[in-house]
N, C-alpha and C. Protein backbone atom coordinates (compact mmCIF):
# COMPACT_ATOMS: atom_id res chain seq x y z
N UNK A 1 154.63 28.42 74.74
CA UNK A 1 153.42 28.16 74.36
C UNK A 1 152.38 28.63 75.43
N UNK A 2 152.66 28.59 76.93
CA UNK A 2 151.79 28.90 77.90
C UNK A 2 151.78 30.35 77.77
N UNK A 3 152.77 31.26 77.39
CA UNK A 3 152.44 32.74 77.39
C UNK A 3 151.57 33.09 76.31
N UNK A 4 151.59 32.38 75.17
CA UNK A 4 150.58 32.56 74.05
C UNK A 4 149.58 32.31 74.44
N UNK A 5 149.05 31.25 75.22
CA UNK A 5 147.72 30.82 75.86
C UNK A 5 147.20 32.02 76.60
N UNK A 6 148.05 32.47 77.69
CA UNK A 6 147.56 33.56 78.57
C UNK A 6 147.44 34.81 77.83
N UNK A 7 148.17 35.28 76.74
CA UNK A 7 147.89 36.32 76.04
C UNK A 7 146.64 36.24 75.17
N UNK A 8 146.35 35.16 74.73
CA UNK A 8 144.98 35.04 73.90
C UNK A 8 143.86 35.19 74.83
N UNK A 9 144.17 34.84 76.05
CA UNK A 9 142.80 34.86 77.22
C UNK A 9 142.65 36.16 77.62
N UNK A 10 143.83 36.93 77.95
CA UNK A 10 143.81 38.21 78.31
C UNK A 10 143.24 39.01 77.06
N UNK A 11 143.64 38.92 76.19
CA UNK A 11 143.01 39.62 74.95
C UNK A 11 141.51 39.53 74.80
N UNK A 12 140.94 38.22 74.85
CA UNK A 12 139.50 37.95 74.82
C UNK A 12 138.83 38.48 76.27
N UNK A 13 139.18 38.59 77.44
CA UNK A 13 138.75 39.25 78.28
C UNK A 13 138.83 40.82 78.04
N UNK A 14 139.56 41.26 77.71
CA UNK A 14 139.66 42.84 77.41
C UNK A 14 138.74 43.02 76.49
N UNK A 15 138.58 42.35 75.34
CA UNK A 15 137.78 42.73 74.36
C UNK A 15 136.14 42.34 74.88
N UNK A 16 136.25 41.28 75.53
CA UNK A 16 134.78 41.02 76.02
C UNK A 16 134.35 42.09 76.94
N UNK A 17 135.30 42.65 77.81
CA UNK A 17 134.91 43.87 78.63
C UNK A 17 134.30 44.92 77.94
N UNK A 18 135.25 45.51 76.70
CA UNK A 18 134.83 46.35 76.00
C UNK A 18 133.53 46.28 75.47
N UNK A 19 133.14 44.97 74.83
CA UNK A 19 131.86 44.79 74.32
C UNK A 19 130.81 44.90 75.38
N UNK A 20 131.06 44.37 76.49
CA UNK A 20 130.20 44.21 77.57
C UNK A 20 129.70 45.40 78.27
N UNK A 21 130.47 46.49 77.73
CA UNK A 21 130.27 47.90 78.30
C UNK A 21 128.74 48.24 77.69
N UNK A 22 128.49 47.55 76.70
CA UNK A 22 127.15 47.98 76.08
C UNK A 22 126.01 47.92 77.04
N UNK A 23 126.06 46.93 77.81
CA UNK A 23 124.99 46.41 78.85
C UNK A 23 124.67 47.72 79.75
N UNK A 24 125.76 48.29 80.65
CA UNK A 24 125.60 49.47 81.43
C UNK A 24 125.19 50.68 80.72
N UNK A 25 125.63 50.87 79.47
CA UNK A 25 125.51 51.95 78.67
C UNK A 25 123.90 51.95 78.15
N UNK A 26 123.40 50.70 77.78
CA UNK A 26 122.11 50.76 77.44
C UNK A 26 121.18 51.08 78.54
N UNK A 27 121.64 50.63 79.89
CA UNK A 27 120.76 50.82 80.88
C UNK A 27 120.65 52.31 81.22
N UNK A 28 121.81 53.12 81.12
CA UNK A 28 122.01 54.49 81.47
C UNK A 28 121.14 55.34 80.31
N UNK A 29 121.31 54.64 79.10
CA UNK A 29 120.42 55.34 78.25
C UNK A 29 118.92 55.37 78.42
N UNK A 30 118.44 54.15 78.70
CA UNK A 30 117.00 53.86 79.13
C UNK A 30 116.62 54.84 80.30
N UNK A 31 117.51 54.97 81.35
CA UNK A 31 117.16 55.99 82.33
C UNK A 31 117.15 57.32 81.99
N UNK A 32 118.21 57.49 80.89
CA UNK A 32 118.08 59.03 80.41
C UNK A 32 116.78 59.35 79.67
N UNK A 33 116.22 58.44 79.06
CA UNK A 33 115.00 58.46 78.08
C UNK A 33 113.99 58.52 79.12
N UNK A 34 113.81 57.67 79.95
CA UNK A 34 112.51 57.71 80.93
C UNK A 34 112.64 58.73 82.02
N UNK A 35 113.84 59.64 82.14
CA UNK A 35 113.82 60.67 83.12
C UNK A 35 113.58 61.98 82.75
N UNK A 36 112.83 62.54 83.43
CA UNK A 36 112.54 63.99 83.10
C UNK A 36 112.88 64.87 84.17
N UNK A 37 113.72 64.54 85.02
CA UNK A 37 114.47 65.35 86.26
C UNK A 37 115.47 66.21 85.69
N UNK A 38 115.55 67.44 86.43
CA UNK A 38 116.61 68.25 85.90
C UNK A 38 117.87 67.66 85.96
N UNK A 39 118.09 66.72 86.86
CA UNK A 39 119.45 66.04 87.13
C UNK A 39 119.69 64.88 86.26
N UNK A 40 119.07 64.77 85.17
CA UNK A 40 119.11 63.56 84.08
C UNK A 40 120.45 63.84 83.52
N UNK A 41 121.17 64.93 83.45
CA UNK A 41 122.55 65.00 82.74
C UNK A 41 123.40 64.15 83.37
N UNK A 42 123.29 63.75 84.65
CA UNK A 42 124.25 62.72 85.17
C UNK A 42 123.98 61.59 84.55
N UNK A 43 122.89 61.03 84.03
CA UNK A 43 122.72 59.92 83.17
C UNK A 43 123.58 60.13 81.97
N UNK A 44 123.43 61.24 81.31
CA UNK A 44 124.22 61.65 80.03
C UNK A 44 125.70 61.50 80.28
N UNK A 45 126.22 61.98 81.46
CA UNK A 45 127.64 62.16 81.77
C UNK A 45 128.16 60.61 81.82
N UNK A 46 127.41 59.85 82.77
CA UNK A 46 127.87 58.45 82.67
C UNK A 46 127.74 57.64 81.49
N UNK A 47 126.80 57.92 80.66
CA UNK A 47 126.90 57.08 79.19
C UNK A 47 128.09 57.62 78.48
N UNK A 48 128.36 58.74 78.47
CA UNK A 48 129.67 59.36 77.81
C UNK A 48 130.84 58.59 78.35
N UNK A 49 130.97 58.52 79.58
CA UNK A 49 132.00 58.05 80.22
C UNK A 49 132.24 56.64 79.71
N UNK A 50 130.99 55.69 79.88
CA UNK A 50 131.07 54.46 79.63
C UNK A 50 131.42 54.15 78.19
N UNK A 51 130.92 55.11 77.08
CA UNK A 51 131.35 54.86 75.89
C UNK A 51 132.76 55.04 75.58
N UNK A 52 133.30 56.18 76.06
CA UNK A 52 134.63 56.51 75.98
C UNK A 52 135.56 55.38 76.46
N UNK A 53 135.18 54.77 77.50
CA UNK A 53 135.88 53.60 78.10
C UNK A 53 135.71 52.62 77.44
N UNK A 54 134.76 52.27 76.59
CA UNK A 54 134.68 50.99 75.87
C UNK A 54 135.48 51.20 74.67
N UNK A 55 135.37 52.55 73.95
CA UNK A 55 136.25 52.54 72.74
C UNK A 55 137.73 52.63 73.12
N UNK A 56 137.99 53.26 74.11
CA UNK A 56 139.40 53.21 74.61
C UNK A 56 139.88 51.67 74.77
N UNK A 57 139.15 50.81 75.46
CA UNK A 57 139.40 49.41 75.78
C UNK A 57 139.62 48.68 74.41
N UNK A 58 138.66 48.91 73.64
CA UNK A 58 138.63 47.88 72.15
C UNK A 58 139.66 48.51 71.58
N UNK A 59 139.98 49.62 71.51
CA UNK A 59 141.10 50.12 70.64
C UNK A 59 142.40 49.98 70.93
N UNK A 60 142.66 49.68 72.32
CA UNK A 60 144.01 49.44 72.75
C UNK A 60 144.19 48.03 73.19
N UNK A 61 143.18 46.93 72.77
CA UNK A 61 143.30 45.61 73.52
C UNK A 61 144.27 45.03 73.00
N UNK A 62 144.75 45.25 71.65
CA UNK A 62 146.16 44.34 71.35
C UNK A 62 147.46 45.13 71.83
N UNK A 63 147.23 46.13 72.50
CA UNK A 63 148.64 47.14 72.79
C UNK A 63 149.43 46.30 73.86
N UNK A 64 150.69 46.67 73.84
CA UNK A 64 151.60 45.92 74.80
C UNK A 64 151.38 46.41 76.29
N UNK A 65 150.57 47.61 76.15
CA UNK A 65 150.37 48.18 77.53
C UNK A 65 149.66 47.26 78.62
N UNK A 66 148.91 46.48 78.07
CA UNK A 66 148.00 45.50 78.93
C UNK A 66 148.83 44.13 79.27
N UNK A 67 149.90 44.19 78.94
CA UNK A 67 150.91 43.06 79.46
C UNK A 67 151.45 43.22 80.81
N UNK A 68 151.31 44.32 81.26
CA UNK A 68 151.70 44.69 82.78
C UNK A 68 150.42 44.57 83.70
N UNK A 69 150.69 43.96 84.67
CA UNK A 69 149.25 43.62 85.41
C UNK A 69 149.02 45.00 86.09
N UNK A 70 150.05 45.96 86.34
CA UNK A 70 149.66 47.29 87.10
C UNK A 70 148.72 48.11 86.25
N UNK A 71 148.88 47.98 85.07
CA UNK A 71 148.24 48.73 83.98
C UNK A 71 146.61 48.09 84.06
N UNK A 72 146.53 46.90 84.10
CA UNK A 72 145.17 46.28 84.30
C UNK A 72 144.54 46.65 85.59
N UNK A 73 145.20 46.83 86.59
CA UNK A 73 144.77 47.08 87.79
C UNK A 73 144.20 48.33 87.97
N UNK A 74 144.80 49.32 87.27
CA UNK A 74 144.38 50.83 87.02
C UNK A 74 143.04 50.76 86.44
N UNK A 75 142.95 50.11 85.29
CA UNK A 75 141.72 49.90 84.73
C UNK A 75 140.89 49.41 85.44
N UNK A 76 141.18 48.38 86.20
CA UNK A 76 139.95 47.50 87.15
C UNK A 76 139.48 48.86 87.94
N UNK A 77 140.39 49.40 88.62
CA UNK A 77 139.85 50.67 89.53
C UNK A 77 138.83 51.60 88.97
N UNK A 78 139.63 52.06 87.83
CA UNK A 78 138.55 53.03 87.07
C UNK A 78 137.25 52.40 86.63
N UNK A 79 137.19 51.17 86.42
CA UNK A 79 135.91 50.53 85.89
C UNK A 79 135.03 50.31 87.26
N UNK A 80 135.45 50.05 88.38
CA UNK A 80 134.50 49.83 89.42
C UNK A 80 134.31 51.07 90.16
N UNK A 81 134.87 52.28 90.01
CA UNK A 81 134.47 53.54 90.44
C UNK A 81 133.46 54.24 89.41
N UNK A 82 133.99 54.14 88.03
CA UNK A 82 133.28 55.00 87.28
C UNK A 82 132.29 54.40 86.14
N UNK A 83 132.54 53.11 86.00
CA UNK A 83 131.71 52.53 85.00
C UNK A 83 130.81 51.39 85.52
N UNK A 84 131.10 50.38 85.89
CA UNK A 84 130.25 49.48 86.41
C UNK A 84 130.90 48.22 87.11
N UNK A 85 130.14 47.59 87.89
CA UNK A 85 130.91 46.34 88.37
C UNK A 85 130.89 45.18 87.54
N UNK A 86 129.75 45.21 86.68
CA UNK A 86 129.89 44.23 85.60
C UNK A 86 130.82 44.31 84.69
N UNK A 87 131.56 45.47 84.34
CA UNK A 87 132.78 45.36 83.51
C UNK A 87 133.89 45.03 84.49
N UNK A 88 133.86 45.39 85.71
CA UNK A 88 135.06 44.90 86.59
C UNK A 88 135.27 43.43 86.64
N UNK A 89 134.22 42.63 86.69
CA UNK A 89 134.36 41.05 86.55
C UNK A 89 135.33 40.56 85.62
N UNK A 90 134.97 40.90 84.31
CA UNK A 90 135.62 40.29 83.13
C UNK A 90 137.28 40.75 83.19
N UNK A 91 137.47 42.05 83.80
CA UNK A 91 138.66 42.61 83.85
C UNK A 91 139.53 41.92 84.84
N UNK A 92 138.95 41.35 85.82
CA UNK A 92 139.54 40.61 86.83
C UNK A 92 140.23 39.31 86.34
N UNK A 93 139.39 38.66 85.37
CA UNK A 93 139.91 37.39 84.66
C UNK A 93 141.20 37.85 83.60
N UNK A 94 141.18 39.16 83.30
CA UNK A 94 142.20 39.53 82.26
C UNK A 94 143.35 39.60 83.34
N UNK A 95 143.41 40.27 84.57
CA UNK A 95 144.25 40.64 85.47
C UNK A 95 144.83 39.30 85.86
N UNK A 96 144.08 38.25 86.31
CA UNK A 96 144.47 36.95 86.55
C UNK A 96 145.41 36.40 85.37
N UNK A 97 144.94 36.39 84.16
CA UNK A 97 145.80 35.74 83.15
C UNK A 97 147.11 36.62 82.99
N UNK A 98 146.93 38.07 83.09
CA UNK A 98 148.29 38.79 83.00
C UNK A 98 149.34 38.39 84.22
N UNK A 99 148.60 38.09 85.34
CA UNK A 99 149.55 37.57 86.55
C UNK A 99 150.31 36.14 86.27
N UNK A 100 149.44 35.26 85.76
CA UNK A 100 149.97 33.98 85.41
C UNK A 100 150.86 34.14 84.27
N UNK A 101 150.78 35.08 83.50
CA UNK A 101 151.79 35.11 82.09
C UNK A 101 153.04 35.86 82.59
N UNK A 102 153.12 36.58 83.79
CA UNK A 102 154.48 37.19 84.30
C UNK A 102 155.26 36.27 85.28
N UNK A 103 154.53 34.99 85.67
CA UNK A 103 154.96 34.25 86.55
C UNK A 103 156.15 33.19 85.77
């Protein structure tokens, strides 16, 4: 019973993180639209990275890969470096639930 509860919570936080990627993506899209500088392609690259990350996270949320805490830790590191701190926080909750499940 406890394991199923932690699985549901982990799945919720992974999906929440995926949908929450819309927030930094919309910020980068607004920055791209308002920027006329020659380096605005950086905003576009970051927007593409965030969208691909969100699609990957949402499409594999039910996968058994996320039952291992090490895989979620890799996802958290990628999120804090390339995506956003805002996405890192719900992933911490998913990591916590994964650790509780394995105990």
